[in-house]
Amino acid sequence: MSGSSATHHKTPLLQGLRPGTVMRIRGVVPEQAGRFHVNLLCSEEQGADAALHFNPRLDTSEVVFNTKQQGKWGREERGSGIPFQRGQPFEVLLITTDEGFKAVVGDEEYLHFNHRMPPASVRLVEVGGDVQLHSVNVF
């Protein structure tokens, strides 16, 4: 697979995230997709802390959720099954709640990932990997 198909998109979040903030990510999973990710990062710096790492892995048929603090990954959490299919469009909603991030894929709530760091510290939504990104909206 050529590396040229990899997406790398960043959307700044100058105000951070508050309960009620919704991020909507729309795109298509390419036919040869391995993995892609959505990271909610706390700064623009290389190796920044991530309040949420949302990582659909089509190569292993799982979706991994995690955080990264001070350069170290936390304990991985996995959703059940994989709601993404190669060659198919998708819509993911990441909804900030008081308790955590609710991931909704299509019409189904997929996983509620409890906050491990304050959502107000998030400054950037980063989408990358094997994905054809159509839009990232924050409202």
N, C-alpha and C. Protein backbone atom coordinates (compact mmCIF):
# COMPACT_ATOMS: atom_id res chain seq x y z
N MET A 1 0.84 -1.18 0.00
CA MET A 1 0.00 0.00 0.00
C MET A 1 0.88 1.24 0.00
N SER A 2 0.54 2.20 -0.81
CA SER A 2 1.36 3.40 -0.87
C SER A 2 1.04 4.33 0.29
N GLY A 3 2.07 4.98 0.79
CA GLY A 3 1.89 5.90 1.90
C GLY A 3 1.23 7.19 1.47
N SER A 4 1.15 7.43 0.16
CA SER A 4 0.62 8.70 -0.32
C SER A 4 -0.89 8.85 -0.07
N SER A 5 -1.57 7.73 0.22
CA SER A 5 -3.02 7.81 0.44
C SER A 5 -3.35 8.19 1.88
N ALA A 6 -2.35 8.28 2.75
CA ALA A 6 -2.61 8.58 4.15
C ALA A 6 -3.08 10.02 4.33
N THR A 7 -4.10 10.18 5.14
CA THR A 7 -4.66 11.49 5.44
C THR A 7 -3.98 12.05 6.67
N HIS A 8 -3.83 13.38 6.69
CA HIS A 8 -3.37 14.03 7.91
C HIS A 8 -4.08 15.38 7.98
N HIS A 9 -5.07 15.47 8.85
CA HIS A 9 -5.90 16.66 8.94
C HIS A 9 -5.92 17.17 10.37
N LYS A 10 -5.84 18.48 10.55
CA LYS A 10 -5.91 19.06 11.89
C LYS A 10 -6.93 20.18 11.93
N THR A 11 -7.75 20.17 12.97
CA THR A 11 -8.72 21.24 13.21
C THR A 11 -8.44 21.82 14.59
N PRO A 12 -8.07 23.12 14.68
CA PRO A 12 -7.81 23.70 15.99
C PRO A 12 -9.08 23.88 16.81
N LEU A 13 -8.96 23.70 18.12
CA LEU A 13 -10.07 23.92 19.06
C LEU A 13 -9.58 24.93 20.09
N LEU A 14 -9.70 26.19 19.76
CA LEU A 14 -9.09 27.23 20.59
C LEU A 14 -9.71 27.30 21.98
N GLN A 15 -10.98 26.94 22.09
CA GLN A 15 -11.67 27.02 23.37
C GLN A 15 -11.63 25.72 24.16
N GLY A 16 -10.99 24.70 23.63
CA GLY A 16 -11.04 23.39 24.28
C GLY A 16 -12.41 22.77 24.10
N LEU A 17 -12.68 21.72 24.84
CA LEU A 17 -13.96 21.02 24.74
C LEU A 17 -14.72 21.18 26.04
N ARG A 18 -16.05 21.30 25.90
CA ARG A 18 -16.94 21.38 27.06
C ARG A 18 -18.01 20.32 26.91
N PRO A 19 -18.63 19.90 28.01
CA PRO A 19 -19.77 18.99 27.88
C PRO A 19 -20.78 19.58 26.89
N GLY A 20 -21.20 18.75 25.95
CA GLY A 20 -22.12 19.20 24.91
C GLY A 20 -21.44 19.46 23.58
N THR A 21 -20.11 19.60 23.57
CA THR A 21 -19.39 19.79 22.30
C THR A 21 -19.46 18.50 21.50
N VAL A 22 -19.80 18.63 20.22
CA VAL A 22 -19.90 17.47 19.32
C VAL A 22 -18.90 17.65 18.18
N MET A 23 -18.13 16.62 17.91
CA MET A 23 -17.27 16.58 16.73
C MET A 23 -17.85 15.55 15.78
N ARG A 24 -18.09 15.96 14.54
CA ARG A 24 -18.65 15.04 13.55
C ARG A 24 -17.58 14.82 12.47
N ILE A 25 -17.21 13.58 12.30
CA ILE A 25 -16.19 13.20 11.32
C ILE A 25 -16.86 12.33 10.27
N ARG A 26 -16.78 12.76 9.02
CA ARG A 26 -17.38 12.00 7.92
C ARG A 26 -16.30 11.65 6.91
N GLY A 27 -16.41 10.45 6.37
CA GLY A 27 -15.45 10.05 5.36
C GLY A 27 -15.79 8.68 4.80
N VAL A 28 -14.81 8.11 4.11
CA VAL A 28 -14.95 6.79 3.51
C VAL A 28 -13.71 5.99 3.92
N VAL A 29 -13.94 4.73 4.27
CA VAL A 29 -12.83 3.83 4.57
C VAL A 29 -12.35 3.25 3.23
N PRO A 30 -11.10 3.51 2.84
CA PRO A 30 -10.62 2.98 1.55
C PRO A 30 -10.61 1.44 1.53
N GLU A 31 -10.65 0.90 0.33
CA GLU A 31 -10.69 -0.56 0.14
C GLU A 31 -9.49 -1.26 0.78
N GLN A 32 -8.34 -0.61 0.76
CA GLN A 32 -7.12 -1.25 1.29
C GLN A 32 -6.77 -0.76 2.69
N ALA A 33 -7.73 -0.14 3.38
CA ALA A 33 -7.44 0.50 4.67
C ALA A 33 -6.92 -0.49 5.70
N GLY A 34 -5.93 -0.04 6.47
CA GLY A 34 -5.44 -0.79 7.62
C GLY A 34 -6.00 -0.18 8.89
N ARG A 35 -5.58 1.06 9.17
CA ARG A 35 -5.99 1.75 10.39
C ARG A 35 -6.12 3.25 10.13
N PHE A 36 -6.98 3.88 10.89
CA PHE A 36 -6.96 5.33 10.94
C PHE A 36 -7.23 5.76 12.37
N HIS A 37 -7.08 7.06 12.63
CA HIS A 37 -7.24 7.52 14.01
C HIS A 37 -7.83 8.93 14.06
N VAL A 38 -8.48 9.20 15.17
CA VAL A 38 -8.89 10.55 15.54
C VAL A 38 -8.25 10.80 16.90
N ASN A 39 -7.43 11.83 16.98
CA ASN A 39 -6.78 12.18 18.24
C ASN A 39 -7.29 13.55 18.70
N LEU A 40 -7.62 13.65 19.98
CA LEU A 40 -7.95 14.93 20.59
C LEU A 40 -6.71 15.32 21.38
N LEU A 41 -5.94 16.24 20.80
CA LEU A 41 -4.62 16.58 21.33
C LEU A 41 -4.66 17.85 22.17
N CYS A 42 -3.74 17.91 23.14
CA CYS A 42 -3.68 19.04 24.07
C CYS A 42 -2.75 20.15 23.60
N SER A 43 -1.99 19.91 22.52
CA SER A 43 -1.16 20.97 21.95
C SER A 43 -0.79 20.58 20.53
N GLU A 44 -0.12 21.51 19.84
CA GLU A 44 0.33 21.28 18.46
C GLU A 44 1.67 20.54 18.43
N GLU A 45 2.29 20.40 19.59
CA GLU A 45 3.65 19.87 19.61
C GLU A 45 3.71 18.39 19.21
N GLN A 46 4.87 18.01 18.70
CA GLN A 46 5.12 16.60 18.40
C GLN A 46 5.01 15.81 19.70
N GLY A 47 4.32 14.68 19.68
CA GLY A 47 4.18 13.86 20.88
C GLY A 47 3.28 14.46 21.94
N ALA A 48 2.36 15.34 21.52
CA ALA A 48 1.46 16.00 22.47
C ALA A 48 0.60 15.00 23.23
N ASP A 49 0.18 15.39 24.43
CA ASP A 49 -0.78 14.58 25.18
C ASP A 49 -2.07 14.45 24.37
N ALA A 50 -2.72 13.30 24.49
CA ALA A 50 -3.98 13.05 23.79
C ALA A 50 -5.05 12.70 24.83
N ALA A 51 -6.09 13.53 24.92
CA ALA A 51 -7.20 13.25 25.83
C ALA A 51 -8.01 12.07 25.31
N LEU A 52 -7.97 11.87 23.98
CA LEU A 52 -8.64 10.71 23.37
C LEU A 52 -7.88 10.30 22.12
N HIS A 53 -7.64 9.01 22.01
CA HIS A 53 -7.09 8.39 20.79
C HIS A 53 -8.14 7.36 20.39
N PHE A 54 -8.81 7.63 19.26
CA PHE A 54 -9.87 6.77 18.73
C PHE A 54 -9.28 6.13 17.49
N ASN A 55 -9.12 4.77 17.52
CA ASN A 55 -8.29 4.12 16.52
C ASN A 55 -8.96 2.88 15.93
N PRO A 56 -9.81 3.08 14.90
CA PRO A 56 -10.35 1.91 14.19
C PRO A 56 -9.23 1.16 13.46
N ARG A 57 -9.14 -0.15 13.74
CA ARG A 57 -8.10 -1.00 13.15
C ARG A 57 -8.79 -2.07 12.32
N LEU A 58 -8.90 -1.79 11.02
CA LEU A 58 -9.56 -2.76 10.14
C LEU A 58 -8.71 -4.00 9.97
N ASP A 59 -7.38 -3.83 10.13
CA ASP A 59 -6.49 -4.98 9.95
C ASP A 59 -6.64 -6.00 11.08
N THR A 60 -7.13 -5.57 12.25
CA THR A 60 -7.34 -6.51 13.36
C THR A 60 -8.79 -6.52 13.83
N SER A 61 -9.68 -5.86 13.08
CA SER A 61 -11.12 -5.84 13.37
C SER A 61 -11.46 -5.41 14.79
N GLU A 62 -10.89 -4.28 15.20
CA GLU A 62 -11.20 -3.75 16.52
C GLU A 62 -11.09 -2.22 16.49
N VAL A 63 -11.66 -1.59 17.50
CA VAL A 63 -11.52 -0.15 17.67
C VAL A 63 -10.94 0.07 19.06
N VAL A 64 -9.79 0.74 19.10
CA VAL A 64 -9.09 0.97 20.36
C VAL A 64 -9.24 2.43 20.78
N PHE A 65 -9.51 2.62 22.07
CA PHE A 65 -9.59 3.94 22.68
C PHE A 65 -8.48 4.03 23.71
N ASN A 66 -7.83 5.21 23.80
CA ASN A 66 -6.76 5.37 24.77
C ASN A 66 -6.50 6.85 25.01
N THR A 67 -5.56 7.11 25.92
CA THR A 67 -5.06 8.46 26.15
C THR A 67 -3.54 8.38 26.15
N LYS A 68 -2.92 9.54 25.97
CA LYS A 68 -1.47 9.63 26.07
C LYS A 68 -1.14 10.81 26.97
N GLN A 69 -0.42 10.53 28.05
CA GLN A 69 -0.03 11.57 28.98
C GLN A 69 1.47 11.51 29.22
N GLN A 70 2.12 12.66 29.08
CA GLN A 70 3.57 12.77 29.28
C GLN A 70 4.32 11.70 28.49
N GLY A 71 3.89 11.51 27.24
CA GLY A 71 4.59 10.59 26.35
C GLY A 71 4.26 9.13 26.55
N LYS A 72 3.39 8.80 27.49
CA LYS A 72 3.07 7.40 27.76
C LYS A 72 1.61 7.11 27.45
N TRP A 73 1.37 6.01 26.75
CA TRP A 73 0.01 5.57 26.47
C TRP A 73 -0.60 4.97 27.73
N GLY A 74 -1.89 5.18 27.90
CA GLY A 74 -2.62 4.60 29.03
C GLY A 74 -3.08 3.19 28.71
N ARG A 75 -4.06 2.75 29.48
CA ARG A 75 -4.63 1.42 29.29
C ARG A 75 -5.63 1.48 28.13
N GLU A 76 -5.48 0.56 27.19
CA GLU A 76 -6.39 0.53 26.03
C GLU A 76 -7.76 0.02 26.43
N GLU A 77 -8.78 0.63 25.85
CA GLU A 77 -10.14 0.10 25.95
C GLU A 77 -10.60 -0.20 24.53
N ARG A 78 -11.41 -1.26 24.40
CA ARG A 78 -11.88 -1.66 23.08
C ARG A 78 -13.39 -1.70 23.05
N GLY A 79 -13.94 -1.26 21.92
CA GLY A 79 -15.37 -1.41 21.71
C GLY A 79 -15.64 -2.82 21.25
N SER A 80 -16.90 -3.21 21.16
CA SER A 80 -17.23 -4.56 20.71
C SER A 80 -17.48 -4.54 19.20
N GLY A 81 -16.76 -5.39 18.49
CA GLY A 81 -16.92 -5.45 17.03
C GLY A 81 -16.34 -4.21 16.37
N ILE A 82 -16.40 -4.18 15.05
CA ILE A 82 -15.91 -3.01 14.32
C ILE A 82 -17.01 -2.48 13.42
N PRO A 83 -17.48 -1.25 13.67
CA PRO A 83 -18.60 -0.71 12.90
C PRO A 83 -18.17 -0.02 11.62
N PHE A 84 -16.96 -0.29 11.15
CA PHE A 84 -16.45 0.31 9.91
C PHE A 84 -16.21 -0.80 8.91
N GLN A 85 -16.45 -0.51 7.63
CA GLN A 85 -16.19 -1.49 6.58
C GLN A 85 -15.43 -0.83 5.45
N ARG A 86 -14.46 -1.58 4.93
CA ARG A 86 -13.69 -1.07 3.79
C ARG A 86 -14.62 -0.75 2.63
N GLY A 87 -14.34 0.39 1.99
CA GLY A 87 -15.13 0.79 0.83
C GLY A 87 -16.44 1.48 1.19
N GLN A 88 -16.71 1.65 2.48
CA GLN A 88 -18.00 2.22 2.91
C GLN A 88 -17.82 3.59 3.56
N PRO A 89 -18.80 4.48 3.34
CA PRO A 89 -18.77 5.76 4.03
C PRO A 89 -19.10 5.57 5.51
N PHE A 90 -18.70 6.53 6.32
CA PHE A 90 -19.00 6.47 7.75
C PHE A 90 -19.23 7.87 8.29
N GLU A 91 -19.89 7.91 9.43
CA GLU A 91 -20.02 9.14 10.20
C GLU A 91 -19.78 8.78 11.66
N VAL A 92 -18.86 9.49 12.30
CA VAL A 92 -18.56 9.30 13.71
C VAL A 92 -18.90 10.60 14.43
N LEU A 93 -19.63 10.49 15.54
CA LEU A 93 -19.84 11.63 16.42
C LEU A 93 -19.06 11.35 17.69
N LEU A 94 -18.23 12.29 18.09
CA LEU A 94 -17.56 12.22 19.38
C LEU A 94 -18.18 13.32 20.23
N ILE A 95 -18.95 12.92 21.21
CA ILE A 95 -19.73 13.86 22.01
C ILE A 95 -19.08 13.98 23.39
N THR A 96 -18.74 15.20 23.77
CA THR A 96 -18.14 15.42 25.08
C THR A 96 -19.26 15.47 26.12
N THR A 97 -19.15 14.62 27.14
CA THR A 97 -20.13 14.61 28.23
C THR A 97 -19.40 14.97 29.52
N ASP A 98 -20.14 15.08 30.61
CA ASP A 98 -19.51 15.35 31.90
C ASP A 98 -18.54 14.23 32.28
N GLU A 99 -18.89 13.00 31.90
CA GLU A 99 -18.12 11.83 32.32
C GLU A 99 -17.01 11.46 31.35
N GLY A 100 -17.21 11.75 30.06
CA GLY A 100 -16.22 11.27 29.09
C GLY A 100 -16.58 11.66 27.67
N PHE A 101 -16.13 10.84 26.75
CA PHE A 101 -16.44 11.02 25.33
C PHE A 101 -17.32 9.86 24.89
N LYS A 102 -18.46 10.22 24.31
CA LYS A 102 -19.37 9.20 23.78
C LYS A 102 -19.10 9.11 22.28
N ALA A 103 -18.73 7.91 21.83
CA ALA A 103 -18.49 7.68 20.41
C ALA A 103 -19.75 7.06 19.81
N VAL A 104 -20.31 7.74 18.81
CA VAL A 104 -21.48 7.24 18.10
C VAL A 104 -21.07 7.02 16.65
N VAL A 105 -21.27 5.79 16.17
CA VAL A 105 -20.91 5.45 14.79
C VAL A 105 -22.20 5.11 14.07
N GLY A 106 -22.48 5.86 12.99
CA GLY A 106 -23.78 5.70 12.34
C GLY A 106 -24.85 6.13 13.32
N ASP A 107 -25.80 5.24 13.64
CA ASP A 107 -26.87 5.57 14.58
C ASP A 107 -26.68 4.91 15.93
N GLU A 108 -25.57 4.19 16.11
CA GLU A 108 -25.39 3.38 17.31
C GLU A 108 -24.36 4.00 18.25
N GLU A 109 -24.70 4.07 19.55
CA GLU A 109 -23.68 4.45 20.51
C GLU A 109 -22.71 3.28 20.61
N TYR A 110 -21.45 3.56 20.40
CA TYR A 110 -20.45 2.51 20.31
C TYR A 110 -19.71 2.31 21.63
N LEU A 111 -19.24 3.39 22.24
CA LEU A 111 -18.51 3.26 23.50
C LEU A 111 -18.52 4.61 24.21
N HIS A 112 -18.57 4.57 25.53
CA HIS A 112 -18.41 5.78 26.33
C HIS A 112 -17.07 5.66 27.04
N PHE A 113 -16.14 6.55 26.67
CA PHE A 113 -14.77 6.50 27.19
C PHE A 113 -14.64 7.57 28.27
N ASN A 114 -14.43 7.14 29.52
CA ASN A 114 -14.36 8.10 30.63
C ASN A 114 -13.15 9.01 30.52
N HIS A 115 -13.36 10.28 30.89
CA HIS A 115 -12.26 11.25 30.87
C HIS A 115 -11.13 10.79 31.78
N ARG A 116 -9.91 10.91 31.27
CA ARG A 116 -8.72 10.67 32.08
C ARG A 116 -7.93 11.96 32.25
N MET A 117 -8.30 12.97 31.48
CA MET A 117 -7.71 14.29 31.60
C MET A 117 -8.80 15.30 31.23
N PRO A 118 -8.67 16.56 31.67
CA PRO A 118 -9.77 17.51 31.45
C PRO A 118 -9.99 17.82 29.97
N PRO A 119 -11.24 17.71 29.50
CA PRO A 119 -11.52 18.00 28.09
C PRO A 119 -11.22 19.44 27.72
N ALA A 120 -11.23 20.34 28.71
CA ALA A 120 -10.92 21.74 28.43
C ALA A 120 -9.48 21.93 27.96
N SER A 121 -8.63 20.92 28.20
CA SER A 121 -7.22 21.04 27.79
C SER A 121 -7.00 20.67 26.32
N VAL A 122 -8.03 20.14 25.65
CA VAL A 122 -7.91 19.75 24.24
C VAL A 122 -7.82 21.00 23.37
N ARG A 123 -6.87 21.00 22.44
CA ARG A 123 -6.68 22.15 21.56
C ARG A 123 -6.76 21.81 20.07
N LEU A 124 -6.84 20.51 19.74
CA LEU A 124 -6.71 20.11 18.35
C LEU A 124 -7.39 18.78 18.10
N VAL A 125 -8.13 18.69 17.00
CA VAL A 125 -8.64 17.40 16.52
C VAL A 125 -7.74 17.02 15.35
N GLU A 126 -7.14 15.84 15.43
CA GLU A 126 -6.27 15.36 14.37
C GLU A 126 -6.86 14.07 13.82
N VAL A 127 -7.01 14.00 12.50
CA VAL A 127 -7.48 12.78 11.84
C VAL A 127 -6.39 12.34 10.88
N GLY A 128 -6.03 11.06 10.97
CA GLY A 128 -4.96 10.59 10.10
C GLY A 128 -5.06 9.11 9.82
N GLY A 129 -4.19 8.66 8.93
CA GLY A 129 -4.15 7.24 8.60
C GLY A 129 -4.89 6.92 7.32
N ASP A 130 -5.36 5.67 7.24
CA ASP A 130 -6.00 5.17 6.01
C ASP A 130 -7.47 5.56 6.00
N VAL A 131 -7.75 6.78 5.57
CA VAL A 131 -9.13 7.26 5.54
C VAL A 131 -9.24 8.35 4.48
N GLN A 132 -10.37 8.36 3.79
CA GLN A 132 -10.69 9.46 2.89
C GLN A 132 -11.62 10.37 3.67
N LEU A 133 -11.09 11.49 4.12
CA LEU A 133 -11.85 12.38 5.00
C LEU A 133 -12.69 13.33 4.17
N HIS A 134 -13.98 13.41 4.49
CA HIS A 134 -14.86 14.36 3.80
C HIS A 134 -15.04 15.63 4.60
N SER A 135 -15.24 15.50 5.92
CA SER A 135 -15.42 16.70 6.73
C SER A 135 -15.18 16.42 8.20
N VAL A 136 -14.76 17.47 8.91
CA VAL A 136 -14.67 17.46 10.36
C VAL A 136 -15.38 18.72 10.81
N ASN A 137 -16.45 18.55 11.58
CA ASN A 137 -17.21 19.69 12.09
C ASN A 137 -17.24 19.64 13.60
N VAL A 138 -17.13 20.80 14.22
CA VAL A 138 -17.21 20.89 15.67
C VAL A 138 -18.32 21.88 15.99
N PHE A 139 -19.26 21.42 16.80
CA PHE A 139 -20.36 22.32 17.18
C PHE A 139 -20.89 21.98 18.56
